[in-house]
């Protein structure tokens, strides 16, 4: 009935084929997610039983029941393991969100080199402003988020603008170069002429 019309001497090789197939799929397609691994192990166990001429019903029971049991055990272990290894809140760069700091190198939204820097709890971080606002050196800031290796900040100074300027910053008028004036004469004044 469960032999599916296959000679009983062939079943151990069928189980080995299934075990290898499931293992290859597990390692290549499923990227080690351990979904098929328990059934690969149970197929290998069923193959061993087949070589010892254990009835096919027992082989099927070991394959299906053993695979399901191993899957449940592995799932419980993986769930517990994943729960123990989660990063606690405030670990990594995200721990900076909400902390206050000081601008140590001006943050300018027009700066394509991204030279803006802030110091937060003694650590220097690259920074950008939240709404594209220029923040001068010494401005007090609060970290809003972390974007890659940079922190996104906003000013906590009450005098700082809350929106970006609507016009580009004006450049100081250029002063034309002046021609040097002749140095004052050091010779004594000429005596008045008599007529």
C-alpha atoms as a PDB file:
ATOM      1  CA  UNK A   1       0.000   0.000   0.000  1.00  0.00           C
ATOM      2  CA  UNK A   2       2.674   2.574   0.968  1.00  0.00           C
ATOM      3  CA  UNK A   3       5.299   1.086  -1.324  1.00  0.00           C
ATOM      4  CA  UNK A   4       3.804   3.038  -4.287  1.00  0.00           C
ATOM      5  CA  UNK A   5       4.615   0.101  -6.582  1.00  0.00           C
ATOM      6  CA  UNK A   6       8.360   0.516  -6.028  1.00  0.00           C
ATOM      7  CA  UNK A   7      10.442  -2.564  -5.231  1.00  0.00           C
ATOM      8  CA  UNK A   8      11.260  -2.667  -1.507  1.00  0.00           C
ATOM      9  CA  UNK A   9      14.963  -3.035  -2.322  1.00  0.00           C
ATOM     10  CA  UNK A  10      14.879   0.362  -4.071  1.00  0.00           C
ATOM     11  CA  UNK A  11      13.296   2.309  -1.176  1.00  0.00           C
ATOM     12  CA  UNK A  12      16.544   2.903   0.755  1.00  0.00           C
ATOM     13  CA  UNK A  13      17.951   4.614  -2.347  1.00  0.00           C
ATOM     14  CA  UNK A  14      14.764   6.626  -2.768  1.00  0.00           C
ATOM     15  CA  UNK A  15      15.059   7.825   0.825  1.00  0.00           C
ATOM     16  CA  UNK A  16      18.719   8.741   0.292  1.00  0.00           C
ATOM     17  CA  UNK A  17      17.777  10.644  -2.855  1.00  0.00           C
ATOM     18  CA  UNK A  18      15.081  12.522  -0.959  1.00  0.00           C
ATOM     19  CA  UNK A  19      17.516  13.277   1.877  1.00  0.00           C
ATOM     20  CA  UNK A  20      20.154  14.674  -0.508  1.00  0.00           C
ATOM     21  CA  UNK A  21      17.560  16.596  -2.543  1.00  0.00           C
ATOM     22  CA  UNK A  22      16.057  18.229   0.558  1.00  0.00           C
ATOM     23  CA  UNK A  23      19.524  19.065   1.897  1.00  0.00           C
ATOM     24  CA  UNK A  24      20.570  20.700  -1.382  1.00  0.00           C
ATOM     25  CA  UNK A  25      17.333  22.698  -1.581  1.00  0.00           C
ATOM     26  CA  UNK A  26      17.777  23.751   2.048  1.00  0.00           C
ATOM     27  CA  UNK A  27      21.327  24.975   1.498  1.00  0.00           C
ATOM     28  CA  UNK A  28      20.869  26.650  -1.887  1.00  0.00           C
ATOM     29  CA  UNK A  29      17.312  27.851  -2.362  1.00  0.00           C
ATOM     30  CA  UNK A  30      16.136  28.335   1.220  1.00  0.00           C
ATOM     31  CA  UNK A  31      19.508  29.742   2.383  1.00  0.00           C
ATOM     32  CA  UNK A  32      19.713  27.716   5.574  1.00  0.00           C
ATOM     33  CA  UNK A  33      16.271  28.562   6.961  1.00  0.00           C
ATOM     34  CA  UNK A  34      16.016  24.980   8.337  1.00  0.00           C
ATOM     35  CA  UNK A  35      12.591  24.279   6.837  1.00  0.00           C
ATOM     36  CA  UNK A  36      13.554  21.113   4.952  1.00  0.00           C
ATOM     37  CA  UNK A  37      16.535  20.071   7.070  1.00  0.00           C
ATOM     38  CA  UNK A  38      14.453  18.031   9.579  1.00  0.00           C
ATOM     39  CA  UNK A  39      12.837  16.112   6.708  1.00  0.00           C
ATOM     40  CA  UNK A  40      16.240  15.551   5.132  1.00  0.00           C
ATOM     41  CA  UNK A  41      17.442  14.003   8.411  1.00  0.00           C
ATOM     42  CA  UNK A  42      14.307  11.878   8.748  1.00  0.00           C
ATOM     43  CA  UNK A  43      14.654  10.681   5.121  1.00  0.00           C
ATOM     44  CA  UNK A  44      18.212   9.613   5.902  1.00  0.00           C
ATOM     45  CA  UNK A  45      16.937   7.723   8.992  1.00  0.00           C
ATOM     46  CA  UNK A  46      14.257   6.067   6.838  1.00  0.00           C
ATOM     47  CA  UNK A  47      16.980   5.056   4.361  1.00  0.00           C
ATOM     48  CA  UNK A  48      18.941   3.364   7.153  1.00  0.00           C
ATOM     49  CA  UNK A  49      15.800   1.496   8.187  1.00  0.00           C
ATOM     50  CA  UNK A  50      15.237   0.476   4.558  1.00  0.00           C
ATOM     51  CA  UNK A  51      18.715  -1.020   4.315  1.00  0.00           C
ATOM     52  CA  UNK A  52      17.836  -3.161   7.348  1.00  0.00           C
ATOM     53  CA  UNK A  53      14.594  -4.246   5.636  1.00  0.00           C
ATOM     54  CA  UNK A  54      12.267  -2.623   8.163  1.00  0.00           C
ATOM     55  CA  UNK A  55       8.673  -2.561   6.798  1.00  0.00           C
ATOM     56  CA  UNK A  56       7.863   0.353   4.483  1.00  0.00           C
ATOM     57  CA  UNK A  57       5.108   1.577   6.820  1.00  0.00           C
ATOM     58  CA  UNK A  58       7.696   2.139   9.588  1.00  0.00           C
ATOM     59  CA  UNK A  59       9.965   3.923   7.089  1.00  0.00           C
ATOM     60  CA  UNK A  60       7.133   6.277   6.131  1.00  0.00           C
ATOM     61  CA  UNK A  61       6.304   6.841   9.795  1.00  0.00           C
ATOM     62  CA  UNK A  62       9.926   7.750  10.539  1.00  0.00           C
ATOM     63  CA  UNK A  63      10.074  10.059   7.519  1.00  0.00           C
ATOM     64  CA  UNK A  64       6.810  11.935   8.143  1.00  0.00           C
ATOM     65  CA  UNK A  65       6.540  11.702  11.927  1.00  0.00           C
ATOM     66  CA  UNK A  66      10.250  12.111  12.630  1.00  0.00           C
ATOM     67  CA  UNK A  67      10.529  15.031  10.218  1.00  0.00           C
ATOM     68  CA  UNK A  68       7.541  16.766  11.787  1.00  0.00           C
ATOM     69  CA  UNK A  69       8.860  16.173  15.311  1.00  0.00           C
ATOM     70  CA  UNK A  70      12.325  17.461  14.392  1.00  0.00           C
ATOM     71  CA  UNK A  71      10.769  20.471  12.655  1.00  0.00           C
ATOM     72  CA  UNK A  72       8.762  21.403  15.777  1.00  0.00           C
ATOM     73  CA  UNK A  73      11.814  20.993  18.028  1.00  0.00           C
ATOM     74  CA  UNK A  74      14.000  23.037  15.693  1.00  0.00           C
ATOM     75  CA  UNK A  75      11.327  25.728  15.399  1.00  0.00           C
ATOM     76  CA  UNK A  76      11.060  26.028  19.185  1.00  0.00           C
ATOM     77  CA  UNK A  77      14.837  26.247  19.531  1.00  0.00           C
ATOM     78  CA  UNK A  78      15.135  28.804  16.722  1.00  0.00           C
ATOM     79  CA  UNK A  79      12.324  30.904  18.180  1.00  0.00           C
ATOM     80  CA  UNK A  80      13.962  30.910  21.614  1.00  0.00           C
ATOM     81  CA  UNK A  81      17.393  31.623  20.113  1.00  0.00           C
ATOM     82  CA  UNK A  82      16.075  34.506  18.010  1.00  0.00           C
ATOM     83  CA  UNK A  83      14.301  35.994  21.028  1.00  0.00           C
ATOM     84  CA  UNK A  84      17.459  35.921  23.143  1.00  0.00           C
ATOM     85  CA  UNK A  85      19.624  37.592  20.510  1.00  0.00           C
ATOM     86  CA  UNK A  86      17.550  40.624  19.634  1.00  0.00           C
ATOM     87  CA  UNK A  87      19.251  43.949  20.170  1.00  0.00           C
ATOM     88  CA  UNK A  88      17.935  45.702  23.200  1.00  0.00           C
ATOM     89  CA  UNK A  89      16.473  49.157  22.620  1.00  0.00           C
ATOM     90  CA  UNK A  90      19.175  51.781  22.777  1.00  0.00           C
ATOM     91  CA  UNK A  91      21.938  49.540  21.411  1.00  0.00           C
ATOM     92  CA  UNK A  92      23.929  50.518  18.352  1.00  0.00           C
ATOM     93  CA  UNK A  93      23.630  53.852  16.599  1.00  0.00           C
ATOM     94  CA  UNK A  94      19.904  54.070  17.430  1.00  0.00           C
ATOM     95  CA  UNK A  95      20.848  54.765  21.041  1.00  0.00           C
ATOM     96  CA  UNK A  96      21.624  58.315  19.933  1.00  0.00           C
ATOM     97  CA  UNK A  97      18.032  59.183  19.022  1.00  0.00           C
ATOM     98  CA  UNK A  98      16.705  61.743  21.493  1.00  0.00           C
ATOM     99  CA  UNK A  99      20.113  62.682  22.909  1.00  0.00           C
ATOM    100  CA  UNK A 100      21.351  66.272  23.011  1.00  0.00           C
ATOM    101  CA  UNK A 101      24.645  67.522  21.650  1.00  0.00           C
ATOM    102  CA  UNK A 102      26.558  70.497  20.315  1.00  0.00           C
ATOM    103  CA  UNK A 103      27.520  71.404  16.750  1.00  0.00           C
ATOM    104  CA  UNK A 104      31.321  71.320  16.456  1.00  0.00           C
ATOM    105  CA  UNK A 105      31.558  71.965  12.687  1.00  0.00           C
ATOM    106  CA  UNK A 106      28.807  74.036  11.074  1.00  0.00           C
ATOM    107  CA  UNK A 107      26.040  72.057   9.397  1.00  0.00           C
ATOM    108  CA  UNK A 108      25.254  73.596   6.019  1.00  0.00           C
ATOM    109  CA  UNK A 109      22.677  71.987   3.714  1.00  0.00           C
ATOM    110  CA  UNK A 110      24.581  73.330   0.677  1.00  0.00           C
ATOM    111  CA  UNK A 111      27.781  71.573   1.771  1.00  0.00           C
ATOM    112  CA  UNK A 112      28.195  68.711  -0.689  1.00  0.00           C
ATOM    113  CA  UNK A 113      31.165  67.328   1.256  1.00  0.00           C
ATOM    114  CA  UNK A 114      28.970  66.807   4.346  1.00  0.00           C
ATOM    115  CA  UNK A 115      31.480  68.259   6.774  1.00  0.00           C
ATOM    116  CA  UNK A 116      28.902  69.041   9.477  1.00  0.00           C
ATOM    117  CA  UNK A 117      29.837  67.461  12.825  1.00  0.00           C
ATOM    118  CA  UNK A 118      28.215  67.245  16.241  1.00  0.00           C
ATOM    119  CA  UNK A 119      29.468  65.970  19.577  1.00  0.00           C
ATOM    120  CA  UNK A 120      27.096  63.755  21.522  1.00  0.00           C
ATOM    121  CA  UNK A 121      28.232  62.336  24.867  1.00  0.00           C
ATOM    122  CA  UNK A 122      31.869  62.764  23.887  1.00  0.00           C
ATOM    123  CA  UNK A 123      31.485  61.096  20.481  1.00  0.00           C
ATOM    124  CA  UNK A 124      31.867  63.052  17.247  1.00  0.00           C
ATOM    125  CA  UNK A 125      29.321  62.187  14.554  1.00  0.00           C
ATOM    126  CA  UNK A 126      28.735  63.401  11.020  1.00  0.00           C
ATOM    127  CA  UNK A 127      25.455  65.286  10.943  1.00  0.00           C
ATOM    128  CA  UNK A 128      22.806  66.755   8.687  1.00  0.00           C
ATOM    129  CA  UNK A 129      19.994  69.048   9.729  1.00  0.00           C
ATOM    130  CA  UNK A 130      16.420  67.814   9.749  1.00  0.00           C
ATOM    131  CA  UNK A 131      14.842  70.484   7.533  1.00  0.00           C
ATOM    132  CA  UNK A 132      17.891  71.714   5.655  1.00  0.00           C
ATOM    133  CA  UNK A 133      18.561  74.480   8.157  1.00  0.00           C
ATOM    134  CA  UNK A 134      22.080  75.835   8.587  1.00  0.00           C
ATOM    135  CA  UNK A 135      23.308  75.258  12.139  1.00  0.00           C
ATOM    136  CA  UNK A 136      26.332  77.250  13.358  1.00  0.00           C
ATOM    137  CA  UNK A 137      29.148  76.001  15.561  1.00  0.00           C
ATOM    138  CA  UNK A 138      28.056  75.914  19.201  1.00  0.00           C
ATOM    139  CA  UNK A 139      24.346  75.406  18.454  1.00  0.00           C
ATOM    140  CA  UNK A 140      22.583  72.985  20.793  1.00  0.00           C
ATOM    141  CA  UNK A 141      20.930  70.105  18.947  1.00  0.00           C
ATOM    142  CA  UNK A 142      18.856  66.982  19.511  1.00  0.00           C
ATOM    143  CA  UNK A 143      19.222  63.807  17.437  1.00  0.00           C
ATOM    144  CA  UNK A 144      16.034  63.004  15.514  1.00  0.00           C
ATOM    145  CA  UNK A 145      17.167  59.885  13.638  1.00  0.00           C
ATOM    146  CA  UNK A 146      20.182  58.013  12.332  1.00  0.00           C
ATOM    147  CA  UNK A 147      20.712  57.797   8.575  1.00  0.00           C
ATOM    148  CA  UNK A 148      23.571  55.433   7.782  1.00  0.00           C
ATOM    149  CA  UNK A 149      26.626  56.801   9.558  1.00  0.00           C
ATOM    150  CA  UNK A 150      25.172  60.285  10.025  1.00  0.00           C
ATOM    151  CA  UNK A 151      22.804  61.626  12.614  1.00  0.00           C
ATOM    152  CA  UNK A 152      19.894  63.838  11.600  1.00  0.00           C
ATOM    153  CA  UNK A 153      19.511  66.692  14.086  1.00  0.00           C
ATOM    154  CA  UNK A 154      17.372  69.724  14.823  1.00  0.00           C
ATOM    155  CA  UNK A 155      18.261  72.754  16.856  1.00  0.00           C
ATOM    156  CA  UNK A 156      17.055  73.095  20.424  1.00  0.00           C
ATOM    157  CA  UNK A 157      18.159  76.751  20.618  1.00  0.00           C
ATOM    158  CA  UNK A 158      15.089  79.003  20.816  1.00  0.00           C
ATOM    159  CA  UNK A 159      16.699  81.617  18.555  1.00  0.00           C
ATOM    160  CA  UNK A 160      17.466  79.171  15.742  1.00  0.00           C
ATOM    161  CA  UNK A 161      15.238  79.316  12.647  1.00  0.00           C
ATOM    162  CA  UNK A 162      12.751  76.486  12.392  1.00  0.00           C
ATOM    163  CA  UNK A 163      12.487  76.565   8.595  1.00  0.00           C
ATOM    164  CA  UNK A 164      15.135  76.768   5.928  1.00  0.00           C
ATOM    165  CA  UNK A 165      15.797  80.153   4.369  1.00  0.00           C
ATOM    166  CA  UNK A 166      13.605  80.883   1.349  1.00  0.00           C
ATOM    167  CA  UNK A 167      16.406  82.595  -0.562  1.00  0.00           C
ATOM    168  CA  UNK A 168      19.994  81.560  -0.957  1.00  0.00           C
ATOM    169  CA  UNK A 169      22.429  83.234   1.364  1.00  0.00           C
ATOM    170  CA  UNK A 170      23.686  86.542  -0.018  1.00  0.00           C
ATOM    171  CA  UNK A 171      27.346  86.921  -0.733  1.00  0.00           C
ATOM    172  CA  UNK A 172      29.169  89.936   0.608  1.00  0.00           C
ATOM    173  CA  UNK A 173      29.672  92.635  -2.004  1.00  0.00           C
ATOM    174  CA  UNK A 174      32.994  92.380  -3.675  1.00  0.00           C
ATOM    175  CA  UNK A 175      35.364  95.223  -2.889  1.00  0.00           C
ATOM    176  CA  UNK A 176      37.365  96.378  -5.881  1.00  0.00           C
ATOM    177  CA  UNK A 177      41.066  96.319  -5.311  1.00  0.00           C
ATOM    178  CA  UNK A 178      42.297  99.775  -4.400  1.00  0.00           C
ATOM    179  CA  UNK A 179      45.396 101.357  -5.837  1.00  0.00           C
ATOM    180  CA  UNK A 180      47.973 102.048  -3.221  1.00  0.00           C
ATOM    181  CA  UNK A 181      48.301 105.723  -2.318  1.00  0.00           C
ATOM    182  CA  UNK A 182      51.782 107.170  -2.338  1.00  0.00           C
ATOM    183  CA  UNK A 183      53.443 107.175   1.032  1.00  0.00           C
ATOM    184  CA  UNK A 184      53.539 110.535   2.820  1.00  0.00           C
ATOM    185  CA  UNK A 185      56.574 112.563   2.076  1.00  0.00           C
ATOM    186  CA  UNK A 186      59.229 112.699   4.745  1.00  0.00           C
ATOM    187  CA  UNK A 187      61.083 115.686   3.326  1.00  0.00           C
ATOM    188  CA  UNK A 188      60.731 119.033   5.119  1.00  0.00           C
ATOM    189  CA  UNK A 189      58.233 121.440   3.670  1.00  0.00           C
ATOM    190  CA  UNK A 190      59.569 123.821   1.072  1.00  0.00           C
ATOM    191  CA  UNK A 191      60.167 127.405   2.239  1.00  0.00           C
ATOM    192  CA  UNK A 192      57.728 129.975   0.994  1.00  0.00           C
ATOM    193  CA  UNK A 193      58.929 131.760  -2.055  1.00  0.00           C
ATOM    194  CA  UNK A 194      59.372 135.541  -1.961  1.00  0.00           C
ATOM    195  CA  UNK A 195      58.343 137.646  -4.858  1.00  0.00           C
END
